[in-house]
Amino acid sequence: MKKIGFIGNGNMGSAIVRHSASLKQFSILLYDVDKSLSDALAKETQSIATSLDSLLEQAETIVLAVKPQTLPSLYPLLNRAKNKRWISMAAGVSLNTLKQNLLADQICRIMPNIGASVGKSVTAITFTDESTTDFQQEAQSLVSSFGSIYPLDESLFSAFTALSGSAIATVFSFLNGLAMGGVKEGLNYQMALDIITETTIGACFLLDESKEHPESLVSRVCSPKGTTIESIKVLENGNFKGVLIDSVSAASLRSKELEAN
């Protein structure tokens, strides 16, 4: 059984550990600077909390689940570990930067989103050219345990970060705004939120099953002089789609700025 180590057991790291613990091919080692986090997570997932030195010695594959700004202080310790496979989820830290600082070439970069906490992450994945097929299969198995995978060229990671990692917050804002509209019209907030959440889930299923263009489905819902066209008119007058496009572009630009630093 392969040993895989997780450095960083915060919100995202712990979410991934909880789902990957079900994979029988891995024995999981945990380390966090806050020992109480790794101890509690180890007890919950039947994993092993250990020291950083022990994890680096034992684990064949190591997941870096720490914040990007933490990595520079860790590199002098991490790059002493030789012949390791590395999986990084540090936003804005390129494969080339990781190669140079980890002194390694078997490296995978992933970009999950908060959906990992319920096993529904949408995750981008990319590898160094030197990554073996075996390592790629291992990393993909790990990532698929907490959601779906989108293999991408690293040049598209900023776009993916904007569209999935950041825009999930846009979805939450969208749901909240519509629920508040329901409150304005007399519904209590929780009922309004439940209604629009289920409506959104149904819309996503319909879009996926029908394979129709979203605008085609909009046209199907709009009837002459009906309620829907009045709603759509307000959105169009407010440049709804343009604002969404700009929000994705702004997040993508910030991702590129982080990667350039």
C-alpha atoms as a PDB file:
ATOM      1  CA  MET A   1       0.000   0.000   0.000  1.00  0.00           C
ATOM      2  CA  LYS A   2       1.431   3.356  -1.040  1.00  0.00           C
ATOM      3  CA  LYS A   3       1.959   6.002   1.606  1.00  0.00           C
ATOM      4  CA  ILE A   4       0.691   9.460   0.768  1.00  0.00           C
ATOM      5  CA  GLY A   5       1.364  12.445   2.989  1.00  0.00           C
ATOM      6  CA  PHE A   6      -0.744  15.580   3.412  1.00  0.00           C
ATOM      7  CA  ILE A   7       1.094  18.687   4.577  1.00  0.00           C
ATOM      8  CA  GLY A   8      -1.579  21.121   5.722  1.00  0.00           C
ATOM      9  CA  ASN A   9      -4.790  19.876   7.323  1.00  0.00           C
ATOM     10  CA  GLY A  10      -6.925  23.006   7.127  1.00  0.00           C
ATOM     11  CA  ASN A  11     -10.307  23.307   5.424  1.00  0.00           C
ATOM     12  CA  MET A  12      -9.333  22.171   1.926  1.00  0.00           C
ATOM     13  CA  GLY A  13      -6.681  19.665   2.983  1.00  0.00           C
ATOM     14  CA  SER A  14      -8.954  18.001   5.509  1.00  0.00           C
ATOM     15  CA  ALA A  15     -11.853  17.873   3.022  1.00  0.00           C
ATOM     16  CA  ILE A  16      -9.672  16.012   0.545  1.00  0.00           C
ATOM     17  CA  VAL A  17      -8.334  13.643   3.212  1.00  0.00           C
ATOM     18  CA  ARG A  18     -11.871  12.731   4.308  1.00  0.00           C
ATOM     19  CA  HIS A  19     -12.755  11.584   0.793  1.00  0.00           C
ATOM     20  CA  SER A  20      -9.411  10.080  -0.221  1.00  0.00           C
ATOM     21  CA  ALA A  21      -9.390   7.992   2.983  1.00  0.00           C
ATOM     22  CA  SER A  22     -11.876   5.696   1.239  1.00  0.00           C
ATOM     23  CA  LEU A  23      -9.254   4.764  -1.372  1.00  0.00           C
ATOM     24  CA  LYS A  24      -7.765   1.427  -0.425  1.00  0.00           C
ATOM     25  CA  GLN A  25      -4.502   1.927  -2.310  1.00  0.00           C
ATOM     26  CA  PHE A  26      -3.288   4.675   0.045  1.00  0.00           C
ATOM     27  CA  SER A  27      -2.048   4.755   3.614  1.00  0.00           C
ATOM     28  CA  ILE A  28      -2.420   8.391   4.705  1.00  0.00           C
ATOM     29  CA  LEU A  29       0.061  10.374   6.793  1.00  0.00           C
ATOM     30  CA  LEU A  30      -0.851  13.804   8.143  1.00  0.00           C
ATOM     31  CA  TYR A  31       1.096  16.836   9.277  1.00  0.00           C
ATOM     32  CA  ASP A  32      -0.028  20.318  10.231  1.00  0.00           C
ATOM     33  CA  VAL A  33       1.815  23.011  12.149  1.00  0.00           C
ATOM     34  CA  ASP A  34      -1.269  22.964  14.391  1.00  0.00           C
ATOM     35  CA  LYS A  35      -0.916  19.438  15.776  1.00  0.00           C
ATOM     36  CA  SER A  36      -4.473  19.434  17.095  1.00  0.00           C
ATOM     37  CA  LEU A  37      -5.750  19.583  13.506  1.00  0.00           C
ATOM     38  CA  SER A  38      -3.751  16.576  12.321  1.00  0.00           C
ATOM     39  CA  ASP A  39      -4.537  14.598  15.481  1.00  0.00           C
ATOM     40  CA  ALA A  40      -8.295  15.188  15.144  1.00  0.00           C
ATOM     41  CA  LEU A  41      -8.292  14.431  11.392  1.00  0.00           C
ATOM     42  CA  ALA A  42      -6.242  11.265  11.925  1.00  0.00           C
ATOM     43  CA  LYS A  43      -8.751  10.018  14.485  1.00  0.00           C
ATOM     44  CA  GLU A  44     -11.678  10.825  12.199  1.00  0.00           C
ATOM     45  CA  THR A  45     -10.218   9.168   9.080  1.00  0.00           C
ATOM     46  CA  GLN A  46      -8.128   6.369  10.608  1.00  0.00           C
ATOM     47  CA  SER A  47      -4.995   8.034   9.244  1.00  0.00           C
ATOM     48  CA  ILE A  48      -1.666   8.642  10.979  1.00  0.00           C
ATOM     49  CA  ALA A  49      -0.647  12.029  12.365  1.00  0.00           C
ATOM     50  CA  THR A  50       3.113  12.406  12.400  1.00  0.00           C
ATOM     51  CA  SER A  51       5.983  14.888  12.352  1.00  0.00           C
ATOM     52  CA  LEU A  52       7.027  16.674   9.180  1.00  0.00           C
ATOM     53  CA  ASP A  53      10.370  14.851   9.124  1.00  0.00           C
ATOM     54  CA  SER A  54       8.661  11.482   9.470  1.00  0.00           C
ATOM     55  CA  LEU A  55       6.129  12.287   6.753  1.00  0.00           C
ATOM     56  CA  LEU A  56       8.854  13.406   4.358  1.00  0.00           C
ATOM     57  CA  GLU A  57      10.806  10.223   5.035  1.00  0.00           C
ATOM     58  CA  GLN A  58       7.931   7.767   4.712  1.00  0.00           C
ATOM     59  CA  ALA A  59       5.517   9.154   2.122  1.00  0.00           C
ATOM     60  CA  GLU A  60       6.078   8.314  -1.528  1.00  0.00           C
ATOM     61  CA  THR A  61       3.642  10.984  -2.700  1.00  0.00           C
ATOM     62  CA  ILE A  62       3.213  14.268  -0.846  1.00  0.00           C
ATOM     63  CA  VAL A  63       0.253  16.643  -1.161  1.00  0.00           C
ATOM     64  CA  LEU A  64       1.010  20.298  -0.459  1.00  0.00           C
ATOM     65  CA  ALA A  65      -2.245  21.626   0.998  1.00  0.00           C
ATOM     66  CA  VAL A  66      -0.774  24.807   2.455  1.00  0.00           C
ATOM     67  CA  LYS A  67      -1.336  28.420   1.451  1.00  0.00           C
ATOM     68  CA  PRO A  68       0.957  29.740  -1.317  1.00  0.00           C
ATOM     69  CA  GLN A  69       2.624  32.238   1.022  1.00  0.00           C
ATOM     70  CA  THR A  70       3.640  29.390   3.341  1.00  0.00           C
ATOM     71  CA  LEU A  71       5.589  27.452   0.723  1.00  0.00           C
ATOM     72  CA  PRO A  72       8.783  29.590   0.614  1.00  0.00           C
ATOM     73  CA  SER A  73       9.452  28.906   4.298  1.00  0.00           C
ATOM     74  CA  LEU A  74       8.944  25.172   3.737  1.00  0.00           C
ATOM     75  CA  TYR A  75      11.063  24.685   0.612  1.00  0.00           C
ATOM     76  CA  PRO A  76      14.390  24.276   2.489  1.00  0.00           C
ATOM     77  CA  LEU A  77      12.851  21.378   4.424  1.00  0.00           C
ATOM     78  CA  LEU A  78      10.858  19.871   1.576  1.00  0.00           C
ATOM     79  CA  ASN A  79      13.633  19.750  -0.996  1.00  0.00           C
ATOM     80  CA  ARG A  80      15.743  17.527   1.255  1.00  0.00           C
ATOM     81  CA  ALA A  81      13.290  14.730   0.534  1.00  0.00           C
ATOM     82  CA  LYS A  82      14.480  12.966  -2.604  1.00  0.00           C
ATOM     83  CA  ASN A  83      12.644  10.832  -5.159  1.00  0.00           C
ATOM     84  CA  LYS A  84       9.236  12.041  -4.090  1.00  0.00           C
ATOM     85  CA  ARG A  85       6.109  12.702  -6.076  1.00  0.00           C
ATOM     86  CA  TRP A  86       4.474  16.047  -5.316  1.00  0.00           C
ATOM     87  CA  ILE A  87       0.881  17.236  -5.678  1.00  0.00           C
ATOM     88  CA  SER A  88       0.387  20.954  -5.088  1.00  0.00           C
ATOM     89  CA  MET A  89      -2.860  22.837  -4.675  1.00  0.00           C
ATOM     90  CA  ALA A  90      -1.158  26.184  -3.975  1.00  0.00           C
ATOM     91  CA  ALA A  91      -2.910  28.795  -6.112  1.00  0.00           C
ATOM     92  CA  GLY A  92      -0.642  30.831  -8.348  1.00  0.00           C
ATOM     93  CA  VAL A  93       2.439  28.629  -7.855  1.00  0.00           C
ATOM     94  CA  SER A  94       3.551  27.288 -11.232  1.00  0.00           C
ATOM     95  CA  LEU A  95       5.003  23.890 -12.031  1.00  0.00           C
ATOM     96  CA  ASN A  96       8.283  25.551 -12.937  1.00  0.00           C
ATOM     97  CA  THR A  97       8.471  27.334  -9.565  1.00  0.00           C
ATOM     98  CA  LEU A  98       7.720  24.064  -7.795  1.00  0.00           C
ATOM     99  CA  LYS A  99      10.382  22.206  -9.798  1.00  0.00           C
ATOM    100  CA  GLN A 100      13.017  24.790  -9.000  1.00  0.00           C
ATOM    101  CA  ASN A 101      12.255  24.906  -5.281  1.00  0.00           C
ATOM    102  CA  LEU A 102      11.425  21.267  -4.582  1.00  0.00           C
ATOM    103  CA  LEU A 103      14.377  20.084  -6.671  1.00  0.00           C
ATOM    104  CA  ALA A 104      12.080  17.477  -8.187  1.00  0.00           C
ATOM    105  CA  ASP A 105      10.415  16.763 -11.518  1.00  0.00           C
ATOM    106  CA  GLN A 106       7.512  14.425 -10.636  1.00  0.00           C
ATOM    107  CA  ILE A 107       5.008  17.181  -9.883  1.00  0.00           C
ATOM    108  CA  CYS A 108       1.256  17.550 -10.293  1.00  0.00           C
ATOM    109  CA  ARG A 109      -0.622  20.783  -9.845  1.00  0.00           C
ATOM    110  CA  ILE A 110      -4.321  20.752  -8.977  1.00  0.00           C
ATOM    111  CA  MET A 111      -6.911  23.460  -8.471  1.00  0.00           C
ATOM    112  CA  PRO A 112      -9.921  22.174  -6.498  1.00  0.00           C
ATOM    113  CA  ASN A 113     -12.796  24.288  -5.246  1.00  0.00           C
ATOM    114  CA  ILE A 114     -14.803  24.391  -2.043  1.00  0.00           C
ATOM    115  CA  GLY A 115     -17.116  21.676  -3.379  1.00  0.00           C
ATOM    116  CA  ALA A 116     -14.448  19.196  -2.227  1.00  0.00           C
ATOM    117  CA  SER A 117     -16.005  19.384   1.240  1.00  0.00           C
ATOM    118  CA  VAL A 118     -19.025  17.443  -0.068  1.00  0.00           C
ATOM    119  CA  GLY A 119     -17.184  15.353  -2.667  1.00  0.00           C
ATOM    120  CA  LYS A 120     -18.306  17.626  -5.505  1.00  0.00           C
ATOM    121  CA  SER A 121     -15.193  19.604  -6.323  1.00  0.00           C
ATOM    122  CA  VAL A 122     -14.474  20.574  -9.908  1.00  0.00           C
ATOM    123  CA  THR A 123     -10.701  20.248 -10.127  1.00  0.00           C
ATOM    124  CA  ALA A 124      -8.182  21.215 -12.791  1.00  0.00           C
ATOM    125  CA  ILE A 125      -5.090  19.029 -13.036  1.00  0.00           C
ATOM    126  CA  THR A 126      -1.789  19.295 -14.891  1.00  0.00           C
ATOM    127  CA  PHE A 127       1.607  17.591 -14.728  1.00  0.00           C
ATOM    128  CA  THR A 128       5.226  18.244 -15.478  1.00  0.00           C
ATOM    129  CA  ASP A 129       6.441  16.664 -18.700  1.00  0.00           C
ATOM    130  CA  GLU A 130       8.597  14.287 -16.648  1.00  0.00           C
ATOM    131  CA  SER A 131       5.641  12.835 -14.729  1.00  0.00           C
ATOM    132  CA  THR A 132       5.278   9.103 -15.265  1.00  0.00           C
ATOM    133  CA  THR A 133       2.055   7.454 -16.352  1.00  0.00           C
ATOM    134  CA  ASP A 134       1.908   5.677 -13.008  1.00  0.00           C
ATOM    135  CA  PHE A 135       2.096   8.974 -11.121  1.00  0.00           C
ATOM    136  CA  GLN A 136      -0.531  10.572 -13.340  1.00  0.00           C
ATOM    137  CA  GLN A 137      -2.923   7.678 -12.736  1.00  0.00           C
ATOM    138  CA  GLU A 138      -2.293   7.843  -8.997  1.00  0.00           C
ATOM    139  CA  ALA A 139      -2.963  11.594  -8.839  1.00  0.00           C
ATOM    140  CA  GLN A 140      -6.108  11.298 -10.951  1.00  0.00           C
ATOM    141  CA  SER A 141      -7.395   8.521  -8.696  1.00  0.00           C
ATOM    142  CA  LEU A 142      -6.866  10.748  -5.674  1.00  0.00           C
ATOM    143  CA  VAL A 143      -8.567  13.767  -7.253  1.00  0.00           C
ATOM    144  CA  SER A 144     -11.542  11.757  -8.537  1.00  0.00           C
ATOM    145  CA  SER A 145     -12.298  10.702  -4.942  1.00  0.00           C
ATOM    146  CA  PHE A 146     -13.579  14.221  -4.193  1.00  0.00           C
ATOM    147  CA  GLY A 147     -15.167  15.281  -7.484  1.00  0.00           C
ATOM    148  CA  SER A 148     -14.651  15.668 -11.227  1.00  0.00           C
ATOM    149  CA  ILE A 149     -11.369  16.247 -13.071  1.00  0.00           C
ATOM    150  CA  TYR A 150     -10.500  18.625 -15.903  1.00  0.00           C
ATOM    151  CA  PRO A 151      -7.026  17.925 -17.352  1.00  0.00           C
ATOM    152  CA  LEU A 152      -5.754  21.280 -18.623  1.00  0.00           C
ATOM    153  CA  ASP A 153      -2.646  22.878 -19.983  1.00  0.00           C
ATOM    154  CA  GLU A 154      -1.153  24.993 -17.222  1.00  0.00           C
ATOM    155  CA  SER A 155      -1.649  28.119 -19.333  1.00  0.00           C
ATOM    156  CA  LEU A 156      -5.409  27.744 -18.758  1.00  0.00           C
ATOM    157  CA  PHE A 157      -5.201  27.436 -14.973  1.00  0.00           C
ATOM    158  CA  SER A 158      -5.931  31.121 -14.402  1.00  0.00           C
ATOM    159  CA  ALA A 159      -9.084  30.868 -16.510  1.00  0.00           C
ATOM    160  CA  PHE A 160     -10.117  27.735 -14.620  1.00  0.00           C
ATOM    161  CA  THR A 161      -9.416  29.351 -11.256  1.00  0.00           C
ATOM    162  CA  ALA A 162     -11.640  32.265 -12.217  1.00  0.00           C
ATOM    163  CA  LEU A 163     -14.446  30.096 -13.587  1.00  0.00           C
ATOM    164  CA  SER A 164     -14.541  27.419 -10.898  1.00  0.00           C
ATOM    165  CA  GLY A 165     -12.442  28.282  -7.856  1.00  0.00           C
ATOM    166  CA  SER A 166     -13.697  31.879  -7.699  1.00  0.00           C
ATOM    167  CA  ALA A 167     -17.007  31.846  -9.580  1.00  0.00           C
ATOM    168  CA  ILE A 168     -18.517  29.348  -7.152  1.00  0.00           C
ATOM    169  CA  ALA A 169     -18.779  32.406  -4.880  1.00  0.00           C
ATOM    170  CA  THR A 170     -20.621  34.166  -7.713  1.00  0.00           C
ATOM    171  CA  VAL A 171     -23.110  31.303  -7.707  1.00  0.00           C
ATOM    172  CA  PHE A 172     -23.647  31.731  -3.964  1.00  0.00           C
ATOM    173  CA  SER A 173     -24.207  35.475  -4.467  1.00  0.00           C
ATOM    174  CA  PHE A 174     -26.627  34.740  -7.319  1.00  0.00           C
ATOM    175  CA  LEU A 175     -28.634  32.341  -5.130  1.00  0.00           C
ATOM    176  CA  ASN A 176     -28.683  34.779  -2.232  1.00  0.00           C
ATOM    177  CA  GLY A 177     -29.836  37.640  -4.476  1.00  0.00           C
ATOM    178  CA  LEU A 178     -32.702  35.646  -5.947  1.00  0.00           C
ATOM    179  CA  ALA A 179     -33.709  34.395  -2.495  1.00  0.00           C
ATOM    180  CA  MET A 180     -33.796  37.997  -1.270  1.00  0.00           C
ATOM    181  CA  GLY A 181     -36.042  38.795  -4.230  1.00  0.00           C
ATOM    182  CA  GLY A 182     -38.374  36.087  -2.964  1.00  0.00           C
ATOM    183  CA  VAL A 183     -38.287  37.695   0.495  1.00  0.00           C
ATOM    184  CA  LYS A 184     -39.244  41.042  -1.051  1.00  0.00           C
ATOM    185  CA  GLU A 185     -42.289  39.352  -2.551  1.00  0.00           C
ATOM    186  CA  GLY A 186     -43.389  37.767   0.730  1.00  0.00           C
ATOM    187  CA  LEU A 187     -41.581  34.436   1.158  1.00  0.00           C
ATOM    188  CA  ASN A 188     -39.442  33.775   4.227  1.00  0.00           C
ATOM    189  CA  TYR A 189     -35.736  33.635   3.430  1.00  0.00           C
ATOM    190  CA  GLN A 190     -35.116  29.930   4.059  1.00  0.00           C
ATOM    191  CA  MET A 191     -38.070  28.883   1.935  1.00  0.00           C
ATOM    192  CA  ALA A 192     -36.989  31.248  -0.842  1.00  0.00           C
ATOM    193  CA  LEU A 193     -33.423  29.903  -0.689  1.00  0.00           C
ATOM    194  CA  ASP A 194     -34.634  26.288  -0.789  1.00  0.00           C
ATOM    195  CA  ILE A 195     -36.847  27.058  -3.783  1.00  0.00           C
ATOM    196  CA  ILE A 196     -34.121  28.746  -5.840  1.00  0.00           C
ATOM    197  CA  THR A 197     -31.497  26.144  -4.873  1.00  0.00           C
ATOM    198  CA  GLU A 198     -33.731  23.311  -6.087  1.00  0.00           C
ATOM    199  CA  THR A 199     -34.665  25.334  -9.166  1.00  0.00           C
ATOM    200  CA  THR A 200     -30.969  25.808  -9.964  1.00  0.00           C
ATOM    201  CA  ILE A 201     -30.239  22.095  -9.523  1.00  0.00           C
ATOM    202  CA  GLY A 202     -33.137  21.277 -11.844  1.00  0.00           C
ATOM    203  CA  ALA A 203     -31.907  23.811 -14.408  1.00  0.00           C
ATOM    204  CA  CYS A 204     -28.422  22.284 -14.358  1.00  0.00           C
ATOM    205  CA  PHE A 205     -29.817  18.778 -14.854  1.00  0.00           C
ATOM    206  CA  LEU A 206     -31.988  19.971 -17.741  1.00  0.00           C
ATOM    207  CA  LEU A 207     -29.061  21.731 -19.392  1.00  0.00           C
ATOM    208  CA  ASP A 208     -26.880  18.633 -19.028  1.00  0.00           C
ATOM    209  CA  GLU A 209     -29.519  16.174 -20.231  1.00  0.00           C
ATOM    210  CA  SER A 210     -30.896  18.226 -23.111  1.00  0.00           C
ATOM    211  CA  LYS A 211     -27.488  19.321 -24.478  1.00  0.00           C
ATOM    212  CA  GLU A 212     -29.235  22.478 -25.672  1.00  0.00           C
ATOM    213  CA  HIS A 213     -27.583  25.875 -25.671  1.00  0.00           C
ATOM    214  CA  PRO A 214     -28.555  27.864 -22.560  1.00  0.00           C
ATOM    215  CA  GLU A 215     -30.090  30.613 -24.696  1.00  0.00           C
ATOM    216  CA  SER A 216     -32.316  28.035 -26.376  1.00  0.00           C
ATOM    217  CA  LEU A 217     -33.660  27.007 -22.982  1.00  0.00           C
ATOM    218  CA  VAL A 218     -34.212  30.665 -22.047  1.00  0.00           C
ATOM    219  CA  SER A 219     -36.304  31.065 -25.194  1.00  0.00           C
ATOM    220  CA  ARG A 220     -38.342  27.991 -24.305  1.00  0.00           C
ATOM    221  CA  VAL A 221     -39.231  29.418 -20.883  1.00  0.00           C
ATOM    222  CA  CYS A 222     -40.151  32.890 -22.186  1.00  0.00           C
ATOM    223  CA  SER A 223     -43.734  33.181 -23.406  1.00  0.00           C
ATOM    224  CA  PRO A 224     -45.215  36.230 -25.193  1.00  0.00           C
ATOM    225  CA  LYS A 225     -46.025  39.016 -22.717  1.00  0.00           C
ATOM    226  CA  GLY A 226     -45.306  36.602 -19.872  1.00  0.00           C
ATOM    227  CA  THR A 227     -43.524  36.920 -16.531  1.00  0.00           C
ATOM    228  CA  THR A 228     -40.176  35.469 -17.604  1.00  0.00           C
ATOM    229  CA  ILE A 229     -39.529  37.946 -20.401  1.00  0.00           C
ATOM    230  CA  GLU A 230     -40.072  40.794 -17.920  1.00  0.00           C
ATOM    231  CA  SER A 231     -37.401  39.272 -15.662  1.00  0.00           C
ATOM    232  CA  ILE A 232     -35.003  38.750 -18.569  1.00  0.00           C
ATOM    233  CA  LYS A 233     -35.540  42.342 -19.732  1.00  0.00           C
ATOM    234  CA  VAL A 234     -34.350  43.636 -16.344  1.00  0.00           C
ATOM    235  CA  LEU A 235     -31.240  41.436 -16.529  1.00  0.00           C
ATOM    236  CA  GLU A 236     -30.450  42.550 -20.076  1.00  0.00           C
ATOM    237  CA  ASN A 237     -30.909  46.225 -19.175  1.00  0.00           C
ATOM    238  CA  GLY A 238     -28.501  45.708 -16.284  1.00  0.00           C
ATOM    239  CA  ASN A 239     -25.868  44.106 -18.534  1.00  0.00           C
ATOM    240  CA  PHE A 240     -26.128  40.873 -16.513  1.00  0.00           C
ATOM    241  CA  LYS A 241     -24.022  38.730 -18.857  1.00  0.00           C
ATOM    242  CA  GLY A 242     -21.457  41.474 -19.319  1.00  0.00           C
ATOM    243  CA  VAL A 243     -20.977  41.775 -15.552  1.00  0.00           C
ATOM    244  CA  LEU A 244     -20.486  38.010 -15.275  1.00  0.00           C
ATOM    245  CA  ILE A 245     -17.916  38.030 -18.085  1.00  0.00           C
ATOM    246  CA  ASP A 246     -16.069  40.907 -16.436  1.00  0.00           C
ATOM    247  CA  SER A 247     -16.085  39.124 -13.062  1.00  0.00           C
ATOM    248  CA  VAL A 248     -14.419  36.052 -14.580  1.00  0.00           C
ATOM    249  CA  SER A 249     -11.862  38.226 -16.372  1.00  0.00           C
ATOM    250  CA  ALA A 250     -11.033  40.093 -13.142  1.00  0.00           C
ATOM    251  CA  ALA A 251     -10.459  36.859 -11.210  1.00  0.00           C
ATOM    252  CA  SER A 252      -8.364  35.424 -14.035  1.00  0.00           C
ATOM    253  CA  LEU A 253      -6.218  38.567 -14.164  1.00  0.00           C
ATOM    254  CA  ARG A 254      -5.600  38.382 -10.419  1.00  0.00           C
ATOM    255  CA  SER A 255      -4.614  34.717 -10.735  1.00  0.00           C
ATOM    256  CA  LYS A 256      -2.098  35.613 -13.434  1.00  0.00           C
ATOM    257  CA  GLU A 257      -0.710  38.395 -11.238  1.00  0.00           C
ATOM    258  CA  LEU A 258      -0.198  35.975  -8.353  1.00  0.00           C
ATOM    259  CA  GLU A 259       1.570  33.500 -10.615  1.00  0.00           C
ATOM    260  CA  ALA A 260       3.877  36.203 -11.951  1.00  0.00           C
ATOM    261  CA  ASN A 261       5.096  37.130  -8.441  1.00  0.00           C
END
